[in-house]
Amino acid sequence: AFYELLHTSKELSVGSIPMMASYGITDAMMRFEKANPAIRVNVLEADTSDLIHCLKEGKCEIAFLRDIDHLESGFVSLTFAKDSLAAMLPKTHPLAAQESLSLTALADEKFVLLKEKTYLYDLCFDSCKKAGFSPNVVYTSHHFENLVTKKKKDKAVSLVMSGSIPETAGSSVSIVPLQPPVTNRIVLAYVKGRKLSPEAALFLRCLPNK
């Protein structure tokens, strides 16, 4: 059966959050395809909330997504990487030179965030609420580059995941870690109780141990 798997044309549908290369997801997929050329990997890129629905509906069999509270009950999740929130500020901002910042230090700032109804928007908003304030969100966008442009124009701040900051952020911004840290796992998840295909099971076995 294993011989047949490696020598028969097969497909595997894998979901993933954006910024795959930043977390080593792209490398993991490339290694798997190189080792298993008979298996074609189809990638569905979406936000964590959308990927959860895709897993439930069978649009993808396994998915790389950000760990959230209600994953534990209905899904099996394997830690793939870890990340944490950071403040992204214009270089000219008075707090830009700090080694670290508490969220409460940003309570009076204007915020530009990734779009509503995404996992990262909810994480940023909820983290601010836990710190004792509701963020003054003046702009949201699906595109990271728009946040950088808007931030410079409005002298606003952003909360971003440290591991997903693209090089296009440029030298006009400062990335300052949060203290205490707000951490998050990137996991490979699949529906609990649903039997994996031989292709998906092989993909899991090929992942490095974390």
N, C-alpha and C. Protein backbone atom coordinates (compact mmCIF):
# COMPACT_ATOMS: atom_id res chain seq x y z
N ALA A 1 0.83 -1.20 0.00
CA ALA A 1 0.00 0.00 0.00
C ALA A 1 0.87 1.25 0.00
N PHE A 2 1.96 1.25 0.75
CA PHE A 2 2.84 2.41 0.80
C PHE A 2 3.49 2.64 -0.57
N TYR A 3 3.86 1.52 -1.24
CA TYR A 3 4.44 1.63 -2.58
C TYR A 3 3.44 2.25 -3.54
N GLU A 4 2.19 1.81 -3.46
CA GLU A 4 1.15 2.33 -4.33
C GLU A 4 0.94 3.82 -4.08
N LEU A 5 1.01 4.27 -2.82
CA LEU A 5 0.82 5.68 -2.48
C LEU A 5 1.87 6.55 -3.15
N LEU A 6 3.10 6.07 -3.19
CA LEU A 6 4.18 6.87 -3.74
C LEU A 6 4.24 6.82 -5.26
N HIS A 7 3.53 5.90 -5.89
CA HIS A 7 3.63 5.73 -7.33
C HIS A 7 2.29 5.89 -8.03
N THR A 8 1.32 6.46 -7.36
CA THR A 8 0.02 6.73 -7.95
C THR A 8 -0.29 8.21 -7.78
N SER A 9 -0.86 8.83 -8.80
CA SER A 9 -1.17 10.25 -8.73
C SER A 9 -2.23 10.50 -7.67
N LYS A 10 -1.89 11.27 -6.66
CA LYS A 10 -2.81 11.58 -5.57
C LYS A 10 -2.82 13.08 -5.32
N GLU A 11 -3.82 13.55 -4.59
CA GLU A 11 -3.91 14.96 -4.24
C GLU A 11 -4.14 15.11 -2.74
N LEU A 12 -3.67 16.25 -2.21
CA LEU A 12 -3.87 16.58 -0.81
C LEU A 12 -4.21 18.05 -0.72
N SER A 13 -5.33 18.38 -0.11
CA SER A 13 -5.75 19.78 0.05
C SER A 13 -5.33 20.27 1.43
N VAL A 14 -4.51 21.32 1.45
CA VAL A 14 -3.96 21.87 2.69
C VAL A 14 -4.35 23.34 2.79
N GLY A 15 -4.95 23.72 3.90
CA GLY A 15 -5.25 25.11 4.15
C GLY A 15 -4.11 25.79 4.88
N SER A 16 -4.00 27.10 4.72
CA SER A 16 -2.94 27.81 5.44
C SER A 16 -3.30 29.28 5.60
N ILE A 17 -2.88 29.84 6.72
CA ILE A 17 -2.96 31.28 6.93
C ILE A 17 -1.99 31.96 5.97
N PRO A 18 -2.20 33.26 5.67
CA PRO A 18 -1.22 34.00 4.85
C PRO A 18 0.15 34.06 5.53
N MET A 19 1.12 34.59 4.81
CA MET A 19 2.49 34.71 5.31
C MET A 19 3.10 33.34 5.61
N MET A 20 2.85 32.39 4.71
CA MET A 20 3.31 31.02 4.93
C MET A 20 4.81 30.92 5.06
N ALA A 21 5.53 31.67 4.23
CA ALA A 21 6.99 31.57 4.23
C ALA A 21 7.58 31.99 5.57
N SER A 22 6.96 32.97 6.22
CA SER A 22 7.49 33.50 7.48
C SER A 22 7.55 32.44 8.57
N TYR A 23 6.66 31.47 8.52
CA TYR A 23 6.58 30.45 9.57
C TYR A 23 7.16 29.11 9.15
N GLY A 24 7.75 29.04 7.96
CA GLY A 24 8.32 27.78 7.50
C GLY A 24 7.31 26.84 6.88
N ILE A 25 6.08 27.31 6.67
CA ILE A 25 5.03 26.46 6.10
C ILE A 25 5.34 26.14 4.64
N THR A 26 5.79 27.16 3.90
CA THR A 26 6.13 26.94 2.49
C THR A 26 7.24 25.91 2.36
N ASP A 27 8.26 26.02 3.21
CA ASP A 27 9.37 25.06 3.17
C ASP A 27 8.89 23.64 3.47
N ALA A 28 7.97 23.51 4.43
CA ALA A 28 7.45 22.19 4.79
C ALA A 28 6.71 21.56 3.61
N MET A 29 5.93 22.37 2.91
CA MET A 29 5.19 21.86 1.76
C MET A 29 6.13 21.47 0.62
N MET A 30 7.15 22.30 0.40
CA MET A 30 8.11 22.01 -0.68
C MET A 30 8.89 20.73 -0.40
N ARG A 31 9.28 20.53 0.87
CA ARG A 31 10.00 19.30 1.23
C ARG A 31 9.11 18.08 1.00
N PHE A 32 7.84 18.21 1.37
CA PHE A 32 6.91 17.08 1.20
C PHE A 32 6.72 16.76 -0.28
N GLU A 33 6.53 17.79 -1.11
CA GLU A 33 6.32 17.55 -2.54
C GLU A 33 7.56 16.96 -3.20
N LYS A 34 8.74 17.40 -2.76
CA LYS A 34 9.98 16.87 -3.31
C LYS A 34 10.15 15.40 -2.95
N ALA A 35 9.79 15.05 -1.71
CA ALA A 35 9.92 13.66 -1.26
C ALA A 35 8.81 12.77 -1.81
N ASN A 36 7.70 13.38 -2.21
CA ASN A 36 6.53 12.61 -2.68
C ASN A 36 5.99 13.23 -3.97
N PRO A 37 6.74 13.11 -5.07
CA PRO A 37 6.36 13.78 -6.31
C PRO A 37 5.03 13.30 -6.90
N ALA A 38 4.54 12.15 -6.49
CA ALA A 38 3.28 11.64 -7.03
C ALA A 38 2.07 12.28 -6.35
N ILE A 39 2.30 13.05 -5.29
CA ILE A 39 1.20 13.69 -4.56
C ILE A 39 1.19 15.19 -4.88
N ARG A 40 0.09 15.65 -5.43
CA ARG A 40 -0.04 17.08 -5.71
C ARG A 40 -0.71 17.77 -4.52
N VAL A 41 -0.04 18.79 -3.99
CA VAL A 41 -0.57 19.52 -2.85
C VAL A 41 -1.31 20.77 -3.35
N ASN A 42 -2.60 20.84 -3.05
CA ASN A 42 -3.40 22.01 -3.38
C ASN A 42 -3.54 22.87 -2.13
N VAL A 43 -3.16 24.15 -2.23
CA VAL A 43 -3.13 25.03 -1.07
C VAL A 43 -4.30 26.02 -1.12
N LEU A 44 -5.01 26.11 -0.01
CA LEU A 44 -6.09 27.08 0.16
C LEU A 44 -5.64 28.09 1.21
N GLU A 45 -5.43 29.34 0.82
CA GLU A 45 -4.97 30.36 1.75
C GLU A 45 -6.15 31.19 2.25
N ALA A 46 -6.27 31.32 3.56
CA ALA A 46 -7.39 32.06 4.15
C ALA A 46 -7.07 32.40 5.60
N ASP A 47 -7.92 33.23 6.19
CA ASP A 47 -7.79 33.56 7.61
C ASP A 47 -8.18 32.35 8.45
N THR A 48 -7.72 32.33 9.69
CA THR A 48 -8.00 31.20 10.58
C THR A 48 -9.49 30.88 10.69
N SER A 49 -10.32 31.90 10.86
CA SER A 49 -11.76 31.67 11.00
C SER A 49 -12.33 30.97 9.78
N ASP A 50 -11.90 31.39 8.59
CA ASP A 50 -12.38 30.76 7.35
C ASP A 50 -11.84 29.34 7.21
N LEU A 51 -10.60 29.13 7.64
CA LEU A 51 -10.00 27.79 7.53
C LEU A 51 -10.72 26.78 8.42
N ILE A 52 -11.20 27.23 9.57
CA ILE A 52 -11.96 26.33 10.44
C ILE A 52 -13.20 25.83 9.72
N HIS A 53 -13.90 26.72 9.03
CA HIS A 53 -15.09 26.31 8.26
C HIS A 53 -14.69 25.38 7.12
N CYS A 54 -13.57 25.67 6.47
CA CYS A 54 -13.11 24.81 5.37
C CYS A 54 -12.80 23.40 5.86
N LEU A 55 -12.20 23.29 7.04
CA LEU A 55 -11.92 21.97 7.60
C LEU A 55 -13.23 21.22 7.89
N LYS A 56 -14.17 21.91 8.51
CA LYS A 56 -15.44 21.27 8.84
C LYS A 56 -16.18 20.81 7.60
N GLU A 57 -16.11 21.62 6.53
CA GLU A 57 -16.85 21.32 5.31
C GLU A 57 -16.09 20.41 4.36
N GLY A 58 -14.86 20.04 4.72
CA GLY A 58 -14.08 19.13 3.90
C GLY A 58 -13.43 19.77 2.69
N LYS A 59 -13.36 21.12 2.66
CA LYS A 59 -12.71 21.79 1.55
C LYS A 59 -11.19 21.65 1.62
N CYS A 60 -10.66 21.44 2.81
CA CYS A 60 -9.27 21.06 3.00
C CYS A 60 -9.23 20.02 4.12
N GLU A 61 -8.26 19.13 4.04
CA GLU A 61 -8.21 18.03 5.01
C GLU A 61 -7.41 18.38 6.25
N ILE A 62 -6.36 19.14 6.06
CA ILE A 62 -5.53 19.61 7.17
C ILE A 62 -5.24 21.09 6.91
N ALA A 63 -4.92 21.84 7.96
CA ALA A 63 -4.69 23.27 7.78
C ALA A 63 -3.73 23.83 8.81
N PHE A 64 -2.87 24.74 8.35
CA PHE A 64 -2.00 25.51 9.23
C PHE A 64 -2.77 26.77 9.62
N LEU A 65 -3.04 26.92 10.91
CA LEU A 65 -3.80 28.09 11.36
C LEU A 65 -3.35 28.52 12.74
N ARG A 66 -3.88 29.66 13.16
CA ARG A 66 -3.53 30.17 14.49
C ARG A 66 -4.43 29.50 15.52
N ASP A 67 -3.86 29.08 16.62
CA ASP A 67 -4.59 28.38 17.66
C ASP A 67 -5.59 29.31 18.33
N ILE A 68 -6.82 28.86 18.45
CA ILE A 68 -7.84 29.63 19.15
C ILE A 68 -8.57 28.70 20.11
N ASP A 69 -9.30 29.27 21.06
CA ASP A 69 -9.86 28.52 22.19
C ASP A 69 -10.73 27.34 21.76
N HIS A 70 -11.63 27.56 20.77
CA HIS A 70 -12.56 26.49 20.48
C HIS A 70 -12.00 25.43 19.53
N LEU A 71 -10.70 25.51 19.21
CA LEU A 71 -10.09 24.45 18.41
C LEU A 71 -10.01 23.14 19.19
N GLU A 72 -9.76 23.24 20.48
CA GLU A 72 -9.44 22.06 21.27
C GLU A 72 -10.55 21.02 21.27
N SER A 73 -11.81 21.45 21.29
CA SER A 73 -12.92 20.51 21.41
C SER A 73 -13.20 19.74 20.13
N GLY A 74 -13.09 20.42 18.99
CA GLY A 74 -13.48 19.76 17.74
C GLY A 74 -12.35 19.39 16.82
N PHE A 75 -11.11 19.71 17.22
CA PHE A 75 -9.98 19.50 16.32
C PHE A 75 -8.78 18.91 17.06
N VAL A 76 -7.97 18.20 16.32
CA VAL A 76 -6.65 17.81 16.78
C VAL A 76 -5.70 18.88 16.27
N SER A 77 -4.85 19.41 17.15
CA SER A 77 -3.92 20.47 16.74
C SER A 77 -2.50 20.12 17.18
N LEU A 78 -1.57 20.23 16.26
CA LEU A 78 -0.16 19.94 16.50
C LEU A 78 0.63 21.23 16.36
N THR A 79 1.39 21.59 17.38
CA THR A 79 2.16 22.83 17.34
C THR A 79 3.19 22.79 16.23
N PHE A 80 3.18 23.82 15.37
CA PHE A 80 4.15 23.93 14.27
C PHE A 80 5.13 25.08 14.50
N ALA A 81 4.64 26.20 15.03
CA ALA A 81 5.49 27.37 15.29
C ALA A 81 4.84 28.21 16.38
N LYS A 82 5.58 29.17 16.91
CA LYS A 82 5.06 30.08 17.92
C LYS A 82 5.33 31.52 17.51
N ASP A 83 4.47 32.41 17.96
CA ASP A 83 4.58 33.81 17.57
C ASP A 83 4.05 34.69 18.70
N SER A 84 4.26 36.00 18.59
CA SER A 84 3.77 36.92 19.61
C SER A 84 3.44 38.27 18.98
N LEU A 85 2.52 38.98 19.61
CA LEU A 85 2.14 40.31 19.13
C LEU A 85 3.25 41.32 19.42
N ALA A 86 3.36 42.30 18.53
CA ALA A 86 4.28 43.41 18.74
C ALA A 86 3.60 44.69 18.28
N ALA A 87 4.08 45.80 18.81
CA ALA A 87 3.58 47.11 18.37
C ALA A 87 4.41 47.58 17.19
N MET A 88 3.74 48.05 16.15
CA MET A 88 4.43 48.63 14.99
C MET A 88 4.10 50.12 14.95
N LEU A 89 5.13 50.93 15.07
CA LEU A 89 4.95 52.39 15.18
C LEU A 89 5.81 53.10 14.14
N PRO A 90 5.40 54.31 13.74
CA PRO A 90 6.28 55.12 12.89
C PRO A 90 7.59 55.41 13.62
N LYS A 91 8.68 55.48 12.89
CA LYS A 91 9.99 55.76 13.49
C LYS A 91 9.98 57.06 14.30
N THR A 92 9.12 57.98 13.89
CA THR A 92 9.08 59.29 14.55
C THR A 92 8.19 59.30 15.80
N HIS A 93 7.56 58.17 16.11
CA HIS A 93 6.67 58.12 17.27
C HIS A 93 7.50 58.20 18.56
N PRO A 94 7.01 58.91 19.58
CA PRO A 94 7.76 59.05 20.85
C PRO A 94 8.10 57.72 21.52
N LEU A 95 7.30 56.67 21.26
CA LEU A 95 7.54 55.38 21.90
C LEU A 95 8.36 54.42 21.03
N ALA A 96 8.75 54.87 19.85
CA ALA A 96 9.39 53.97 18.89
C ALA A 96 10.75 53.43 19.36
N ALA A 97 11.41 54.16 20.23
CA ALA A 97 12.75 53.74 20.67
C ALA A 97 12.72 52.84 21.90
N GLN A 98 11.54 52.56 22.44
CA GLN A 98 11.45 51.72 23.63
C GLN A 98 11.85 50.27 23.31
N GLU A 99 12.46 49.60 24.27
CA GLU A 99 12.83 48.19 24.08
C GLU A 99 11.61 47.28 24.14
N SER A 100 10.61 47.69 24.92
CA SER A 100 9.35 46.94 25.01
C SER A 100 8.27 47.92 25.47
N LEU A 101 7.03 47.51 25.25
CA LEU A 101 5.89 48.35 25.61
C LEU A 101 4.79 47.51 26.22
N SER A 102 4.09 48.07 27.18
CA SER A 102 2.86 47.43 27.66
C SER A 102 1.71 47.93 26.79
N LEU A 103 0.68 47.15 26.69
CA LEU A 103 -0.48 47.59 25.92
C LEU A 103 -1.10 48.85 26.51
N THR A 104 -1.05 48.96 27.83
CA THR A 104 -1.64 50.15 28.47
C THR A 104 -0.94 51.44 28.06
N ALA A 105 0.33 51.34 27.64
CA ALA A 105 1.06 52.52 27.19
C ALA A 105 0.50 53.04 25.86
N LEU A 106 -0.30 52.18 25.18
CA LEU A 106 -0.86 52.55 23.88
C LEU A 106 -2.33 52.92 23.97
N ALA A 107 -2.86 53.02 25.18
CA ALA A 107 -4.30 53.19 25.37
C ALA A 107 -4.86 54.44 24.69
N ASP A 108 -4.05 55.50 24.60
CA ASP A 108 -4.54 56.76 24.04
C ASP A 108 -4.19 56.92 22.55
N GLU A 109 -3.64 55.88 21.96
CA GLU A 109 -3.21 55.97 20.56
C GLU A 109 -4.35 55.65 19.60
N LYS A 110 -4.18 56.10 18.35
CA LYS A 110 -5.05 55.67 17.26
C LYS A 110 -4.48 54.38 16.67
N PHE A 111 -5.37 53.41 16.36
CA PHE A 111 -4.92 52.11 15.87
C PHE A 111 -5.36 51.89 14.42
N VAL A 112 -4.46 51.28 13.64
CA VAL A 112 -4.82 50.73 12.33
C VAL A 112 -4.55 49.23 12.42
N LEU A 113 -5.56 48.44 12.09
CA LEU A 113 -5.49 46.99 12.28
C LEU A 113 -5.91 46.25 11.02
N LEU A 114 -5.57 44.97 10.98
CA LEU A 114 -6.09 44.12 9.92
C LEU A 114 -7.61 44.04 10.03
N LYS A 115 -8.26 43.68 8.95
CA LYS A 115 -9.71 43.79 8.80
C LYS A 115 -10.50 43.10 9.91
N GLU A 116 -11.69 43.67 10.19
CA GLU A 116 -12.60 43.05 11.15
C GLU A 116 -12.99 41.64 10.68
N LYS A 117 -13.45 40.84 11.65
CA LYS A 117 -13.89 39.47 11.42
C LYS A 117 -12.75 38.57 10.96
N THR A 118 -11.52 38.96 11.31
CA THR A 118 -10.37 38.07 11.15
C THR A 118 -9.86 37.72 12.54
N TYR A 119 -9.13 36.63 12.62
CA TYR A 119 -8.62 36.20 13.92
C TYR A 119 -7.71 37.27 14.53
N LEU A 120 -6.83 37.86 13.72
CA LEU A 120 -5.87 38.82 14.27
C LEU A 120 -6.55 40.09 14.76
N TYR A 121 -7.59 40.53 14.08
CA TYR A 121 -8.33 41.69 14.57
C TYR A 121 -8.92 41.38 15.95
N ASP A 122 -9.55 40.21 16.08
CA ASP A 122 -10.16 39.83 17.35
C ASP A 122 -9.10 39.71 18.45
N LEU A 123 -7.94 39.13 18.11
CA LEU A 123 -6.88 38.97 19.10
C LEU A 123 -6.39 40.34 19.59
N CYS A 124 -6.17 41.28 18.66
CA CYS A 124 -5.71 42.61 19.04
C CYS A 124 -6.74 43.34 19.89
N PHE A 125 -8.00 43.29 19.44
CA PHE A 125 -9.06 44.00 20.16
C PHE A 125 -9.25 43.41 21.55
N ASP A 126 -9.30 42.08 21.65
CA ASP A 126 -9.51 41.42 22.94
C ASP A 126 -8.33 41.65 23.88
N SER A 127 -7.11 41.67 23.34
CA SER A 127 -5.93 41.90 24.18
C SER A 127 -5.96 43.30 24.78
N CYS A 128 -6.40 44.28 23.99
CA CYS A 128 -6.54 45.64 24.51
C CYS A 128 -7.61 45.71 25.59
N LYS A 129 -8.72 45.04 25.36
CA LYS A 129 -9.80 45.02 26.35
C LYS A 129 -9.31 44.42 27.67
N LYS A 130 -8.53 43.34 27.59
CA LYS A 130 -7.99 42.72 28.79
C LYS A 130 -7.01 43.65 29.51
N ALA A 131 -6.38 44.55 28.75
CA ALA A 131 -5.46 45.51 29.34
C ALA A 131 -6.18 46.72 29.91
N GLY A 132 -7.51 46.76 29.74
CA GLY A 132 -8.30 47.80 30.39
C GLY A 132 -8.80 48.92 29.50
N PHE A 133 -8.71 48.78 28.17
CA PHE A 133 -9.19 49.85 27.30
C PHE A 133 -9.70 49.28 25.98
N SER A 134 -10.57 50.02 25.32
CA SER A 134 -11.04 49.68 23.97
C SER A 134 -10.22 50.48 22.97
N PRO A 135 -9.55 49.84 22.04
CA PRO A 135 -8.68 50.58 21.11
C PRO A 135 -9.49 51.49 20.18
N ASN A 136 -8.93 52.65 19.93
CA ASN A 136 -9.53 53.61 19.00
C ASN A 136 -9.09 53.23 17.58
N VAL A 137 -9.86 52.36 16.94
CA VAL A 137 -9.49 51.84 15.62
C VAL A 137 -9.99 52.81 14.55
N VAL A 138 -9.06 53.45 13.85
CA VAL A 138 -9.43 54.46 12.85
C VAL A 138 -9.39 53.92 11.43
N TYR A 139 -8.83 52.72 11.25
CA TYR A 139 -8.71 52.18 9.89
C TYR A 139 -8.43 50.69 9.98
N THR A 140 -9.02 49.91 9.05
CA THR A 140 -8.70 48.48 8.94
C THR A 140 -8.51 48.14 7.47
N SER A 141 -7.73 47.10 7.21
CA SER A 141 -7.48 46.68 5.83
C SER A 141 -7.08 45.22 5.81
N HIS A 142 -7.33 44.56 4.68
CA HIS A 142 -6.86 43.19 4.49
C HIS A 142 -5.37 43.17 4.12
N HIS A 143 -4.81 44.33 3.74
CA HIS A 143 -3.46 44.36 3.21
C HIS A 143 -2.50 45.07 4.17
N PHE A 144 -1.43 44.37 4.50
CA PHE A 144 -0.44 44.87 5.45
C PHE A 144 0.16 46.19 4.97
N GLU A 145 0.44 46.30 3.66
CA GLU A 145 1.06 47.50 3.12
C GLU A 145 0.20 48.74 3.36
N ASN A 146 -1.13 48.55 3.31
CA ASN A 146 -2.03 49.68 3.57
C ASN A 146 -1.92 50.18 5.01
N LEU A 147 -1.68 49.24 5.92
CA LEU A 147 -1.53 49.64 7.33
C LEU A 147 -0.29 50.51 7.50
N VAL A 148 0.78 50.14 6.83
CA VAL A 148 2.02 50.90 6.94
C VAL A 148 1.82 52.32 6.42
N THR A 149 1.17 52.43 5.27
CA THR A 149 0.94 53.75 4.67
C THR A 149 0.02 54.60 5.54
N LYS A 150 -1.08 54.01 6.00
CA LYS A 150 -2.04 54.74 6.81
C LYS A 150 -1.45 55.15 8.15
N LYS A 151 -0.61 54.29 8.70
CA LYS A 151 0.00 54.56 10.00
C LYS A 151 0.89 55.81 9.94
N LYS A 152 1.68 55.90 8.87
CA LYS A 152 2.56 57.05 8.71
C LYS A 152 1.75 58.34 8.53
N LYS A 153 0.66 58.22 7.78
CA LYS A 153 -0.15 59.40 7.49
C LYS A 153 -0.87 59.91 8.74
N ASP A 154 -1.45 58.99 9.51
CA ASP A 154 -2.25 59.36 10.67
C ASP A 154 -1.49 59.31 11.99
N LYS A 155 -0.19 58.96 11.93
CA LYS A 155 0.63 58.81 13.14
C LYS A 155 -0.03 57.83 14.11
N ALA A 156 -0.52 56.74 13.54
CA ALA A 156 -1.20 55.71 14.33
C ALA A 156 -0.26 54.54 14.59
N VAL A 157 -0.71 53.59 15.39
CA VAL A 157 0.07 52.40 15.71
C VAL A 157 -0.70 51.16 15.25
N SER A 158 0.03 50.06 15.10
CA SER A 158 -0.58 48.78 14.75
C SER A 158 -0.12 47.72 15.74
N LEU A 159 -0.91 46.67 15.85
CA LEU A 159 -0.49 45.46 16.55
C LEU A 159 -0.38 44.37 15.50
N VAL A 160 0.79 43.76 15.41
CA VAL A 160 1.06 42.76 14.37
C VAL A 160 1.75 41.56 15.00
N MET A 161 1.69 40.43 14.32
CA MET A 161 2.42 39.26 14.77
C MET A 161 3.88 39.39 14.36
N SER A 162 4.79 39.19 15.29
CA SER A 162 6.22 39.41 15.03
C SER A 162 6.73 38.59 13.85
N GLY A 163 6.24 37.37 13.73
CA GLY A 163 6.75 36.48 12.70
C GLY A 163 6.20 36.72 11.32
N SER A 164 5.21 37.60 11.20
CA SER A 164 4.57 37.79 9.89
C SER A 164 4.78 39.18 9.32
N ILE A 165 5.80 39.90 9.82
CA ILE A 165 6.07 41.24 9.31
C ILE A 165 6.90 41.14 8.04
N PRO A 166 6.36 41.55 6.89
CA PRO A 166 7.09 41.42 5.63
C PRO A 166 8.20 42.45 5.52
N GLU A 167 9.16 42.18 4.63
CA GLU A 167 10.26 43.10 4.40
C GLU A 167 9.76 44.44 3.85
N THR A 168 8.58 44.42 3.23
CA THR A 168 8.02 45.64 2.66
C THR A 168 7.61 46.65 3.72
N ALA A 169 7.65 46.25 5.00
CA ALA A 169 7.34 47.21 6.07
C ALA A 169 8.32 48.39 6.02
N GLY A 170 9.54 48.10 5.56
CA GLY A 170 10.50 49.17 5.32
C GLY A 170 11.15 49.71 6.58
N SER A 171 11.98 50.71 6.40
CA SER A 171 12.74 51.30 7.50
C SER A 171 12.02 52.45 8.18
N SER A 172 10.78 52.73 7.75
CA SER A 172 10.04 53.86 8.31
C SER A 172 9.27 53.50 9.56
N VAL A 173 9.32 52.20 9.96
CA VAL A 173 8.58 51.77 11.14
C VAL A 173 9.51 51.10 12.14
N SER A 174 9.07 51.09 13.39
CA SER A 174 9.77 50.38 14.46
C SER A 174 8.86 49.28 14.99
N ILE A 175 9.43 48.12 15.26
CA ILE A 175 8.70 46.99 15.82
C ILE A 175 9.15 46.83 17.26
N VAL A 176 8.22 46.98 18.19
CA VAL A 176 8.54 46.94 19.61
C VAL A 176 7.78 45.79 20.27
N PRO A 177 8.46 44.84 20.93
CA PRO A 177 7.78 43.72 21.60
C PRO A 177 6.88 44.20 22.72
N LEU A 178 5.84 43.44 22.99
CA LEU A 178 4.94 43.75 24.10
C LEU A 178 5.38 43.03 25.36
N GLN A 179 5.22 43.69 26.49
CA GLN A 179 5.46 43.10 27.81
C GLN A 179 4.29 43.46 28.72
N PRO A 180 3.62 42.47 29.32
CA PRO A 180 3.86 41.05 29.14
C PRO A 180 3.50 40.60 27.73
N PRO A 181 4.15 39.54 27.25
CA PRO A 181 3.92 39.11 25.86
C PRO A 181 2.52 38.54 25.65
N VAL A 182 2.02 38.73 24.43
CA VAL A 182 0.77 38.10 23.99
C VAL A 182 1.17 37.07 22.94
N THR A 183 1.17 35.79 23.33
CA THR A 183 1.71 34.75 22.47
C THR A 183 0.61 33.96 21.77
N ASN A 184 1.03 33.25 20.72
CA ASN A 184 0.09 32.48 19.91
C ASN A 184 0.85 31.34 19.24
N ARG A 185 0.14 30.23 19.06
CA ARG A 185 0.73 29.10 18.34
C ARG A 185 0.20 29.03 16.91
N ILE A 186 1.06 28.63 16.00
CA ILE A 186 0.60 28.23 14.67
C ILE A 186 0.56 26.71 14.71
N VAL A 187 -0.60 26.14 14.41
CA VAL A 187 -0.78 24.69 14.55
C VAL A 187 -1.18 24.09 13.21
N LEU A 188 -0.92 22.81 13.07
CA LEU A 188 -1.48 22.03 11.97
C LEU A 188 -2.67 21.29 12.55
N ALA A 189 -3.85 21.56 12.03
CA ALA A 189 -5.08 21.04 12.63
C ALA A 189 -5.87 20.20 11.64
N TYR A 190 -6.65 19.27 12.20
CA TYR A 190 -7.61 18.51 11.41
C TYR A 190 -8.77 18.13 12.31
N VAL A 191 -9.88 17.76 11.70
CA VAL A 191 -11.10 17.49 12.45
C VAL A 191 -10.94 16.22 13.28
N LYS A 192 -11.25 16.33 14.57
CA LYS A 192 -11.15 15.19 15.48
C LYS A 192 -12.16 14.12 15.10
N GLY A 193 -11.72 12.88 15.07
CA GLY A 193 -12.62 11.77 14.77
C GLY A 193 -12.79 11.48 13.29
N ARG A 194 -12.27 12.33 12.43
CA ARG A 194 -12.38 12.11 10.98
C ARG A 194 -11.10 11.43 10.50
N LYS A 195 -11.24 10.29 9.87
CA LYS A 195 -10.07 9.53 9.43
C LYS A 195 -9.32 10.28 8.35
N LEU A 196 -8.01 10.39 8.53
CA LEU A 196 -7.18 11.07 7.55
C LEU A 196 -6.90 10.17 6.35
N SER A 197 -6.77 10.78 5.19
CA SER A 197 -6.37 10.04 4.00
C SER A 197 -4.91 9.60 4.17
N PRO A 198 -4.47 8.60 3.41
CA PRO A 198 -3.06 8.21 3.49
C PRO A 198 -2.12 9.36 3.18
N GLU A 199 -2.54 10.27 2.26
CA GLU A 199 -1.70 11.41 1.90
C GLU A 199 -1.54 12.37 3.09
N ALA A 200 -2.64 12.66 3.77
CA ALA A 200 -2.58 13.57 4.93
C ALA A 200 -1.78 12.95 6.06
N ALA A 201 -1.97 11.66 6.30
CA ALA A 201 -1.22 10.98 7.36
C ALA A 201 0.28 11.00 7.06
N LEU A 202 0.63 10.84 5.79
CA LEU A 202 2.04 10.89 5.41
C LEU A 202 2.60 12.29 5.60
N PHE A 203 1.81 13.31 5.28
CA PHE A 203 2.24 14.69 5.48
C PHE A 203 2.57 14.95 6.95
N LEU A 204 1.71 14.48 7.85
CA LEU A 204 1.94 14.67 9.28
C LEU A 204 3.24 13.97 9.72
N ARG A 205 3.48 12.78 9.19
CA ARG A 205 4.68 12.05 9.57
C ARG A 205 5.95 12.74 9.06
N CYS A 206 5.82 13.50 7.99
CA CYS A 206 6.99 14.16 7.42
C CYS A 206 7.36 15.47 8.11
N LEU A 207 6.48 15.96 8.99
CA LEU A 207 6.75 17.22 9.68
C LEU A 207 7.84 17.03 10.75
N PRO A 208 8.68 18.03 10.94
CA PRO A 208 9.68 17.93 12.03
C PRO A 208 8.99 17.98 13.38
N ASN A 209 9.56 17.29 14.35
CA ASN A 209 9.00 17.30 15.70
C ASN A 209 9.26 18.66 16.34
N LYS A 210 8.18 19.23 16.97
CA LYS A 210 8.30 20.53 17.63
C LYS A 210 8.36 20.35 19.14
